[in-house]
């Protein structure tokens, strides 16, 4: 390709700014940077104004501003630019503050515990170093949160260096990134967590739901392609993924970080005859890494609480095509009245739980139009999920007779069932079905 009298070709312009040709083609496809004209043979030609615009794009990308917001900056009045830049400035200030806290944290350890430089660390040794340096459980908790927020990849590497088991690493990172229902990792022994996973590994489902509810939520969508690409986040054992495949030609990418659940999903899909259309992947819902605009529908039943409702939607929406759908169920306060006992229980397990109106407002703020929402019926809790828990409990107790950790798993389950039995009129899972604008 050669430079023409009217400007630069896509290859020349990309090389000049250290970009790939495909990057400029992508910018064209999203309306961020279009050529002056198409030359003979479909060659793109970029003039001086387009090159100037690309220089601005590169400048803003170095500042960490997303492409969609760069488009707002370049195409909107000054007020729009100000809003985007102020948002990014706030994010940068938060990141700087978090990094400062981490620096002070690590400096304090090195000053008070010089032996850390020569000690071969594992989880126990690291915890002892922190305690001997005067750090409380709360200090450790905040450090993990800051580490996960600013450098999740380095956080993962550090936890691996401490020889922490993979399941526990995933749990620490989930807890650090957002709220979760199970006990906080720093309050739970390794044995408790082993027994927790052992108990739930034997269940058919890992949360409330049913085929009927999945079908009702899917029926609220419209205009999906016949062979839609669907992402099921936090798929668990995959009952809903299999239901979505039946009576459709959808291809489902089913993602979860628990390999035992994925193994069960793969076996169930094979038995149901839909294995060829369910792609099973182990992954972290906080860091999925798919290309933008990859999916027609994003599905998540009972899993987004691990990230927090708005955090999950803000991260996942980039993978959704324009006009695509998101359908997810979320633990929600369903009335204005909130009984004190229920509030106390869920404040410990999921303090960020919101009302229906608050969650709809979040979806709208994130660029979605909410088409339908409904409360899951009580049968979705009791006919399978809680029934399985109740049925599995006697054998679990007998197997681990005398174990305080095993009894703690049972007590936690029974307390939740008691709360839901007494206060189901005030809270429950709500399915939200919305379309990306």
Protein backbone atom coordinates (compact mmCIF):
# COMPACT_ATOMS: atom_id res chain seq x y z
CA UNK A 1 0.00 0.00 0.00
CA UNK A 2 1.30 3.46 -0.85
CA UNK A 3 0.71 6.98 0.28
CA UNK A 4 -1.74 8.72 -2.03
CA UNK A 5 -1.95 12.38 -2.93
CA UNK A 6 -5.05 12.71 -0.80
CA UNK A 7 -3.68 11.27 2.40
CA UNK A 8 -2.35 8.18 4.18
CA UNK A 9 -3.57 4.64 3.71
CA UNK A 10 -4.61 2.65 6.75
CA UNK A 11 -1.35 0.71 6.80
CA UNK A 12 0.85 3.81 6.62
CA UNK A 13 -1.13 5.68 9.27
CA UNK A 14 -1.12 2.68 11.62
CA UNK A 15 2.65 2.29 11.28
CA UNK A 16 3.22 6.00 11.90
CA UNK A 17 1.43 5.81 15.28
CA UNK A 18 2.70 2.39 16.30
CA UNK A 19 -0.71 0.72 15.92
CA UNK A 20 -1.88 -2.34 14.07
CA UNK A 21 -3.90 -2.09 10.89
CA UNK A 22 -6.74 -4.00 12.57
CA UNK A 23 -6.88 -1.35 15.32
CA UNK A 24 -7.67 1.38 12.80
CA UNK A 25 -10.22 -0.84 11.07
CA UNK A 26 -11.85 -1.40 14.46
CA UNK A 27 -11.87 2.37 15.14
CA UNK A 28 -13.64 2.80 11.81
CA UNK A 29 -16.23 0.13 12.65
CA UNK A 30 -17.23 1.86 15.91
CA UNK A 31 -17.29 5.35 14.38
CA UNK A 32 -14.30 6.60 16.34
CA UNK A 33 -12.02 7.31 13.38
CA UNK A 34 -13.26 7.06 9.80
CA UNK A 35 -11.21 7.74 6.65
CA UNK A 36 -11.76 10.80 4.50
CA UNK A 37 -12.79 8.53 1.68
CA UNK A 38 -12.36 5.07 0.26
CA UNK A 39 -9.99 4.92 -2.69
CA UNK A 40 -10.28 2.56 -5.63
CA UNK A 41 -10.24 -1.05 -4.46
CA UNK A 42 -11.75 -0.13 -1.07
CA UNK A 43 -8.47 1.40 0.18
CA UNK A 44 -9.03 3.86 3.01
CA UNK A 45 -7.47 7.31 2.77
CA UNK A 46 -6.89 9.43 5.87
CA UNK A 47 -6.37 13.18 5.66
CA UNK A 48 -4.77 15.71 7.98
CA UNK A 49 -7.89 16.09 10.17
CA UNK A 50 -8.18 12.34 10.67
CA UNK A 51 -4.50 12.10 11.58
CA UNK A 52 -4.96 14.91 14.11
CA UNK A 53 -7.96 13.06 15.58
CA UNK A 54 -5.90 9.86 15.85
CA UNK A 55 -3.19 11.76 17.74
CA UNK A 56 -5.83 12.84 20.26
CA UNK A 57 -7.13 9.28 20.51
CA UNK A 58 -3.65 7.95 21.30
CA UNK A 59 -3.15 10.69 23.88
CA UNK A 60 -6.40 9.88 25.69
CA UNK A 61 -5.75 6.12 25.51
CA UNK A 62 -2.44 6.66 27.34
CA UNK A 63 -4.47 8.41 30.07
CA UNK A 64 -6.53 5.25 30.43
CA UNK A 65 -9.78 6.66 29.04
CA UNK A 66 -12.01 3.99 27.37
CA UNK A 67 -12.71 4.26 23.63
CA UNK A 68 -16.40 5.03 24.10
CA UNK A 69 -15.56 7.94 26.36
CA UNK A 70 -12.89 9.18 23.95
CA UNK A 71 -15.60 9.35 21.29
CA UNK A 72 -17.69 11.48 23.66
CA UNK A 73 -14.73 13.80 24.23
CA UNK A 74 -14.01 14.23 20.52
CA UNK A 75 -17.61 14.53 19.35
CA UNK A 76 -19.36 16.38 22.18
CA UNK A 77 -19.41 19.96 23.49
CA UNK A 78 -17.04 21.03 26.24
CA UNK A 79 -19.56 20.01 28.94
CA UNK A 80 -19.33 16.41 27.76
CA UNK A 81 -15.54 16.52 27.78
CA UNK A 82 -15.52 17.92 31.30
CA UNK A 83 -17.77 15.16 32.64
CA UNK A 84 -15.63 12.38 31.17
CA UNK A 85 -12.34 13.89 32.31
CA UNK A 86 -13.64 14.58 35.81
CA UNK A 87 -14.77 10.96 36.09
CA UNK A 88 -11.33 9.72 35.03
CA UNK A 89 -9.63 12.16 37.41
CA UNK A 90 -11.70 10.80 40.27
CA UNK A 91 -10.70 7.25 39.33
CA UNK A 92 -7.03 8.21 39.17
CA UNK A 93 -7.20 9.93 42.55
CA UNK A 94 -8.74 6.80 44.06
CA UNK A 95 -6.04 4.63 42.50
CA UNK A 96 -3.31 6.94 43.77
CA UNK A 97 -4.76 6.88 47.28
CA UNK A 98 -4.97 3.09 47.17
CA UNK A 99 -1.36 2.79 45.97
CA UNK A 100 -0.27 5.17 48.74
CA UNK A 101 -1.97 2.95 51.33
CA UNK A 102 -0.22 -0.12 49.91
CA UNK A 103 3.16 1.66 49.98
CA UNK A 104 2.69 2.62 53.62
CA UNK A 105 1.50 -0.89 54.44
CA UNK A 106 4.55 -2.58 52.89
CA UNK A 107 6.96 0.04 54.27
CA UNK A 108 5.61 -0.62 57.74
CA UNK A 109 6.23 -4.33 57.39
CA UNK A 110 9.80 -3.88 56.16
CA UNK A 111 10.62 -1.43 58.95
CA UNK A 112 9.20 -3.51 61.79
CA UNK A 113 9.92 -6.99 60.39
CA UNK A 114 13.28 -7.03 58.55
CA UNK A 115 13.26 -10.84 58.73
CA UNK A 116 10.66 -10.87 55.99
CA UNK A 117 13.48 -10.27 53.48
CA UNK A 118 15.19 -13.54 54.36
CA UNK A 119 12.24 -15.73 55.33
CA UNK A 120 10.73 -18.20 52.86
CA UNK A 121 7.11 -17.13 53.13
CA UNK A 122 3.96 -19.18 53.07
CA UNK A 123 0.48 -18.18 54.20
CA UNK A 124 1.14 -18.90 57.89
CA UNK A 125 4.49 -17.10 57.91
CA UNK A 126 3.06 -14.08 56.08
CA UNK A 127 0.14 -13.82 58.51
CA UNK A 128 2.51 -14.04 61.47
CA UNK A 129 4.72 -11.29 60.00
CA UNK A 130 1.69 -9.02 59.65
CA UNK A 131 0.47 -9.67 63.17
CA UNK A 132 3.90 -9.14 64.69
CA UNK A 133 4.09 -5.85 62.78
CA UNK A 134 0.91 -4.65 64.47
CA UNK A 135 -1.56 -5.16 61.63
CA UNK A 136 -5.12 -6.06 62.58
CA UNK A 137 -7.49 -8.33 60.66
CA UNK A 138 -9.15 -5.16 59.33
CA UNK A 139 -5.77 -3.85 58.08
CA UNK A 140 -5.16 -7.11 56.21
CA UNK A 141 -8.66 -7.01 54.74
CA UNK A 142 -8.24 -3.47 53.41
CA UNK A 143 -4.84 -4.30 51.94
CA UNK A 144 -6.23 -7.24 49.96
CA UNK A 145 -9.04 -5.04 48.66
CA UNK A 146 -6.62 -2.34 47.53
CA UNK A 147 -4.24 -4.87 45.95
CA UNK A 148 -7.07 -6.55 44.02
CA UNK A 149 -8.50 -3.22 42.86
CA UNK A 150 -5.28 -1.73 41.50
CA UNK A 151 -3.24 -4.77 40.39
CA UNK A 152 -5.35 -7.96 40.26
CA UNK A 153 -2.70 -9.86 38.29
CA UNK A 154 0.01 -9.07 40.86
CA UNK A 155 -2.39 -9.97 43.68
CA UNK A 156 -2.88 -13.37 42.06
CA UNK A 157 0.89 -13.87 41.74
CA UNK A 158 1.47 -12.92 45.37
CA UNK A 159 -1.16 -15.35 46.66
CA UNK A 160 0.34 -18.11 44.51
CA UNK A 161 3.77 -17.30 45.96
CA UNK A 162 2.33 -17.90 49.44
CA UNK A 163 1.39 -21.43 48.26
CA UNK A 164 -2.30 -20.85 48.94
CA UNK A 165 -4.55 -23.47 47.27
CA UNK A 166 -6.27 -22.39 44.03
CA UNK A 167 -9.81 -22.57 45.45
CA UNK A 168 -8.82 -20.38 48.39
CA UNK A 169 -7.06 -17.89 46.09
CA UNK A 170 -10.24 -17.55 44.03
CA UNK A 171 -12.23 -17.04 47.21
CA UNK A 172 -9.83 -14.36 48.51
CA UNK A 173 -9.97 -12.51 45.20
CA UNK A 174 -13.77 -12.73 45.04
CA UNK A 175 -14.06 -11.37 48.55
CA UNK A 176 -11.51 -8.64 47.82
CA UNK A 177 -13.31 -7.56 44.63
CA UNK A 178 -16.82 -7.49 46.05
CA UNK A 179 -19.29 -8.78 48.62
CA UNK A 180 -20.11 -12.45 49.08
CA UNK A 181 -22.59 -14.52 51.06
CA UNK A 182 -20.19 -16.98 52.61
CA UNK A 183 -18.00 -16.16 55.60
CA UNK A 184 -15.16 -13.77 55.00
CA UNK A 185 -11.95 -15.56 54.22
CA UNK A 186 -9.98 -14.15 57.12
CA UNK A 187 -12.58 -15.51 59.56
CA UNK A 188 -12.74 -18.97 58.03
CA UNK A 189 -10.26 -21.76 58.53
CA UNK A 190 -8.90 -23.71 55.60
CA UNK A 191 -10.74 -26.75 56.91
CA UNK A 192 -14.04 -24.88 56.95
CA UNK A 193 -13.58 -23.90 53.33
CA UNK A 194 -12.69 -27.45 52.33
CA UNK A 195 -15.90 -28.69 53.95
CA UNK A 196 -17.95 -25.86 52.47
CA UNK A 197 -16.87 -26.79 48.95
CA UNK A 198 -17.28 -30.50 49.69
CA UNK A 199 -20.89 -29.98 50.79
CA UNK A 200 -21.96 -27.92 47.79
CA UNK A 201 -20.04 -30.07 45.29
CA UNK A 202 -22.65 -32.78 45.85
CA UNK A 203 -25.67 -30.59 45.06
CA UNK A 204 -27.51 -30.51 41.75
CA UNK A 205 -27.84 -26.70 41.86
CA UNK A 206 -25.78 -24.04 43.61
CA UNK A 207 -28.59 -21.50 43.96
CA UNK A 208 -32.33 -20.92 43.52
CA UNK A 209 -33.87 -21.20 40.07
CA UNK A 210 -35.84 -23.46 37.74
CA UNK A 211 -36.36 -24.30 34.10
CA UNK A 212 -39.68 -22.43 34.17
CA UNK A 213 -38.03 -19.26 35.50
CA UNK A 214 -35.24 -19.41 32.92
CA UNK A 215 -37.79 -19.80 30.12
CA UNK A 216 -39.88 -16.90 31.47
CA UNK A 217 -36.84 -14.62 31.52
CA UNK A 218 -35.76 -15.67 28.03
CA UNK A 219 -39.28 -15.03 26.70
CA UNK A 220 -38.91 -11.37 27.74
CA UNK A 221 -36.12 -10.88 25.19
CA UNK A 222 -36.80 -10.21 21.53
CA UNK A 223 -34.88 -10.00 18.29
CA UNK A 224 -32.15 -12.45 19.24
CA UNK A 225 -30.43 -14.11 16.28
CA UNK A 226 -31.39 -17.71 15.64
CA UNK A 227 -27.83 -18.78 16.44
CA UNK A 228 -27.21 -16.26 19.21
CA UNK A 229 -23.91 -16.19 21.07
CA UNK A 230 -24.67 -16.36 24.80
CA UNK A 231 -22.33 -15.83 27.78
CA UNK A 232 -23.43 -17.52 31.01
CA UNK A 233 -21.38 -15.96 33.84
CA UNK A 234 -21.11 -17.91 37.09
CA UNK A 235 -22.77 -20.87 35.42
CA UNK A 236 -22.30 -23.35 38.29
CA UNK A 237 -23.49 -26.82 37.33
CA UNK A 238 -25.20 -25.33 34.28
CA UNK A 239 -28.87 -26.22 34.58
CA UNK A 240 -29.81 -22.87 33.01
CA UNK A 241 -27.19 -23.19 30.24
CA UNK A 242 -28.71 -26.51 29.21
CA UNK A 243 -32.22 -25.02 29.35
CA UNK A 244 -31.14 -22.14 27.12
CA UNK A 245 -29.77 -24.60 24.56
CA UNK A 246 -32.93 -26.66 24.39
CA UNK A 247 -35.41 -25.60 21.72
CA UNK A 248 -32.85 -23.13 20.32
CA UNK A 249 -29.71 -23.02 18.21
CA UNK A 250 -27.83 -20.86 20.72
CA UNK A 251 -24.16 -21.40 21.47
CA UNK A 252 -23.43 -20.93 25.18
CA UNK A 253 -20.07 -19.96 26.64
CA UNK A 254 -20.43 -21.12 30.26
CA UNK A 255 -17.89 -19.63 32.69
CA UNK A 256 -17.22 -20.42 36.34
CA UNK A 257 -14.11 -20.61 38.50
CA UNK A 258 -15.09 -23.86 40.25
CA UNK A 259 -13.84 -26.80 38.20
CA UNK A 260 -15.95 -29.38 40.05
CA UNK A 261 -19.12 -27.54 38.97
CA UNK A 262 -17.86 -27.26 35.39
CA UNK A 263 -17.12 -30.99 35.27
CA UNK A 264 -20.69 -31.67 36.36
CA UNK A 265 -22.00 -29.20 33.75
CA UNK A 266 -20.04 -30.95 30.99
CA UNK A 267 -21.44 -34.33 32.01
CA UNK A 268 -25.00 -32.98 32.22
CA UNK A 269 -24.68 -31.29 28.82
CA UNK A 270 -23.45 -34.53 27.27
CA UNK A 271 -26.38 -36.41 28.77
CA UNK A 272 -28.82 -33.75 27.46
CA UNK A 273 -27.35 -33.95 23.96
CA UNK A 274 -26.26 -30.28 23.80
CA UNK A 275 -22.57 -30.60 24.66
CA UNK A 276 -21.48 -29.44 21.20
CA UNK A 277 -23.15 -26.04 21.80
CA UNK A 278 -21.91 -25.41 25.35
CA UNK A 279 -18.34 -24.15 25.62
CA UNK A 280 -17.17 -24.78 29.19
CA UNK A 281 -14.48 -22.40 30.46
CA UNK A 282 -12.87 -21.93 33.85
CA UNK A 283 -12.39 -18.23 34.50
CA UNK A 284 -12.70 -15.30 36.86
CA UNK A 285 -15.87 -13.26 36.33
CA UNK A 286 -13.90 -10.15 37.37
CA UNK A 287 -11.45 -10.63 34.50
CA UNK A 288 -13.16 -12.39 31.59
CA UNK A 289 -11.10 -10.83 28.82
CA UNK A 290 -13.48 -11.34 25.89
CA UNK A 291 -13.49 -9.02 22.90
CA UNK A 292 -15.94 -6.13 22.94
CA UNK A 293 -19.32 -6.78 21.29
CA UNK A 294 -18.86 -10.57 21.35
CA UNK A 295 -22.24 -11.72 22.66
CA UNK A 296 -25.92 -11.27 21.85
CA UNK A 297 -27.05 -12.21 25.36
CA UNK A 298 -25.34 -12.23 28.77
CA UNK A 299 -26.96 -14.51 31.36
CA UNK A 300 -26.22 -14.85 35.06
CA UNK A 301 -28.40 -16.57 37.64
CA UNK A 302 -27.55 -15.81 41.25
CA UNK A 303 -23.86 -15.05 40.67
CA UNK A 304 -23.41 -11.30 40.17
CA UNK A 305 -23.51 -10.68 43.95
CA UNK A 306 -19.92 -11.97 44.05
CA UNK A 307 -18.85 -8.80 42.23
CA UNK A 308 -21.55 -6.42 43.33
CA UNK A 309 -24.49 -5.59 41.03
CA UNK A 310 -23.22 -2.38 39.42
CA UNK A 311 -19.59 -3.49 39.27
CA UNK A 312 -20.59 -6.66 37.42
CA UNK A 313 -22.84 -4.91 34.93
CA UNK A 314 -20.26 -2.19 34.22
CA UNK A 315 -17.58 -4.81 33.46
CA UNK A 316 -19.73 -7.26 31.48
CA UNK A 317 -21.59 -4.77 29.28
CA UNK A 318 -18.54 -4.21 27.08
CA UNK A 319 -18.82 -7.82 25.87
CA UNK A 320 -22.41 -7.26 24.75
CA UNK A 321 -23.29 -6.20 21.22
CA UNK A 322 -25.30 -2.98 20.74
CA UNK A 323 -28.96 -3.88 21.17
CA UNK A 324 -27.96 -7.06 23.00
CA UNK A 325 -29.64 -8.39 26.12
CA UNK A 326 -28.64 -9.00 29.72
CA UNK A 327 -30.69 -11.25 31.99
CA UNK A 328 -29.66 -11.84 35.58
CA UNK A 329 -31.13 -12.72 38.95
CA UNK A 330 -29.99 -10.85 42.03
CA UNK A 331 -30.80 -11.00 45.75
CA UNK A 332 -33.04 -7.96 46.33
CA UNK A 333 -35.17 -6.23 48.95
CA UNK A 334 -38.68 -6.47 47.48
CA UNK A 335 -40.51 -4.15 49.93
CA UNK A 336 -39.74 -0.89 51.68
CA UNK A 337 -40.19 -2.59 55.05
CA UNK A 338 -37.12 -4.51 56.18
CA UNK A 339 -37.39 -6.69 59.32
CA UNK A 340 -34.46 -6.19 61.70
CA UNK A 341 -33.53 -9.87 61.90
CA UNK A 342 -33.37 -10.18 58.11
CA UNK A 343 -31.37 -6.96 57.83
CA UNK A 344 -28.86 -8.19 60.44
CA UNK A 345 -28.39 -11.51 58.64
CA UNK A 346 -27.95 -10.08 55.15
CA UNK A 347 -25.83 -7.16 56.33
CA UNK A 348 -23.29 -9.80 57.34
CA UNK A 349 -23.61 -11.82 54.14
CA UNK A 350 -24.47 -9.20 51.49
CA UNK A 351 -24.48 -5.64 52.86
CA UNK A 352 -24.78 -4.13 49.34
CA UNK A 353 -28.15 -5.77 48.65
CA UNK A 354 -30.48 -3.17 47.12
CA UNK A 355 -34.14 -2.61 46.30
CA UNK A 356 -35.78 -3.31 42.95
CA UNK A 357 -35.93 0.41 42.17
CA UNK A 358 -32.23 0.86 43.00
CA UNK A 359 -31.18 -2.04 40.76
CA UNK A 360 -33.32 -0.79 37.87
CA UNK A 361 -31.71 2.64 38.28
CA UNK A 362 -28.26 1.02 38.11
CA UNK A 363 -29.14 -0.78 34.88
CA UNK A 364 -30.44 2.43 33.33
CA UNK A 365 -27.37 4.35 34.47
CA UNK A 366 -25.20 1.71 32.80
CA UNK A 367 -26.97 2.19 29.48
CA UNK A 368 -29.74 -0.41 29.56
CA UNK A 369 -33.48 -0.29 29.12
CA UNK A 370 -35.18 -2.60 31.62
CA UNK A 371 -37.90 -4.51 29.80
CA UNK A 372 -39.12 -6.79 32.58
CA UNK A 373 -38.40 -7.85 36.13
CA UNK A 374 -40.04 -10.40 38.40
CA UNK A 375 -39.52 -12.08 41.77
CA UNK A 376 -38.54 -15.74 41.64
CA UNK A 377 -41.28 -17.97 43.09
CA UNK A 378 -40.75 -19.71 46.43
CA UNK A 379 -40.68 -23.06 44.64
CA UNK A 380 -37.37 -22.00 43.05
CA UNK A 381 -35.88 -21.92 46.55
CA UNK A 382 -37.53 -24.87 48.25
CA UNK A 383 -38.35 -27.51 45.62
CA UNK A 384 -34.75 -28.16 44.56
CA UNK A 385 -32.07 -25.92 46.09
CA UNK A 386 -33.04 -25.97 49.77
CA UNK A 387 -34.45 -29.49 49.43
CA UNK A 388 -31.06 -30.69 48.21
CA UNK A 389 -29.36 -28.92 51.13
CA UNK A 390 -31.73 -30.50 53.65
CA UNK A 391 -31.39 -33.95 52.08
CA UNK A 392 -27.57 -33.78 52.02
CA UNK A 393 -27.17 -32.53 55.60
CA UNK A 394 -27.67 -35.77 57.64
CA UNK A 395 -25.03 -37.73 55.70
CA UNK A 396 -22.64 -34.76 55.85
CA UNK A 397 -23.02 -34.53 59.65
CA UNK A 398 -22.53 -38.28 60.06
CA UNK A 399 -19.42 -38.28 57.87
CA UNK A 400 -17.83 -35.42 59.84
CA UNK A 401 -19.22 -36.22 63.28
CA UNK A 402 -17.63 -34.03 65.94
CA UNK A 403 -16.15 -31.51 63.48
CA UNK A 404 -16.77 -27.92 64.53
CA UNK A 405 -16.11 -26.70 61.00
CA UNK A 406 -18.63 -29.12 59.50
CA UNK A 407 -21.23 -28.02 62.04
CA UNK A 408 -20.49 -24.39 61.13
CA UNK A 409 -21.29 -25.17 57.47
CA UNK A 410 -24.58 -26.80 58.51
CA UNK A 411 -25.46 -23.94 60.89
CA UNK A 412 -24.83 -21.35 58.18
CA UNK A 413 -27.13 -23.17 55.75
CA UNK A 414 -29.88 -23.68 58.31
CA UNK A 415 -29.77 -20.04 59.43
CA UNK A 416 -30.22 -18.87 55.86
CA UNK A 417 -33.16 -21.23 55.34
CA UNK A 418 -34.75 -20.00 58.56
CA UNK A 419 -34.42 -16.36 57.49
CA UNK A 420 -35.85 -17.06 54.03
CA UNK A 421 -38.74 -19.07 55.48
CA UNK A 422 -39.69 -16.24 57.83
CA UNK A 423 -39.08 -13.22 55.61
CA UNK A 424 -39.64 -14.32 52.00
CA UNK A 425 -42.28 -11.58 51.61
CA UNK A 426 -39.59 -8.93 52.10
CA UNK A 427 -36.71 -10.17 49.97
CA UNK A 428 -35.72 -12.74 47.38
CA UNK A 429 -34.11 -13.22 44.02
CA UNK A 430 -35.40 -10.87 41.33
CA UNK A 431 -34.81 -11.49 37.62
CA UNK A 432 -33.93 -8.36 35.63
CA UNK A 433 -34.13 -8.47 31.82
CA UNK A 434 -32.74 -5.42 30.01
CA UNK A 435 -31.56 -4.37 26.56
CA UNK A 436 -28.39 -2.44 25.83
CA UNK A 437 -29.19 0.93 24.27
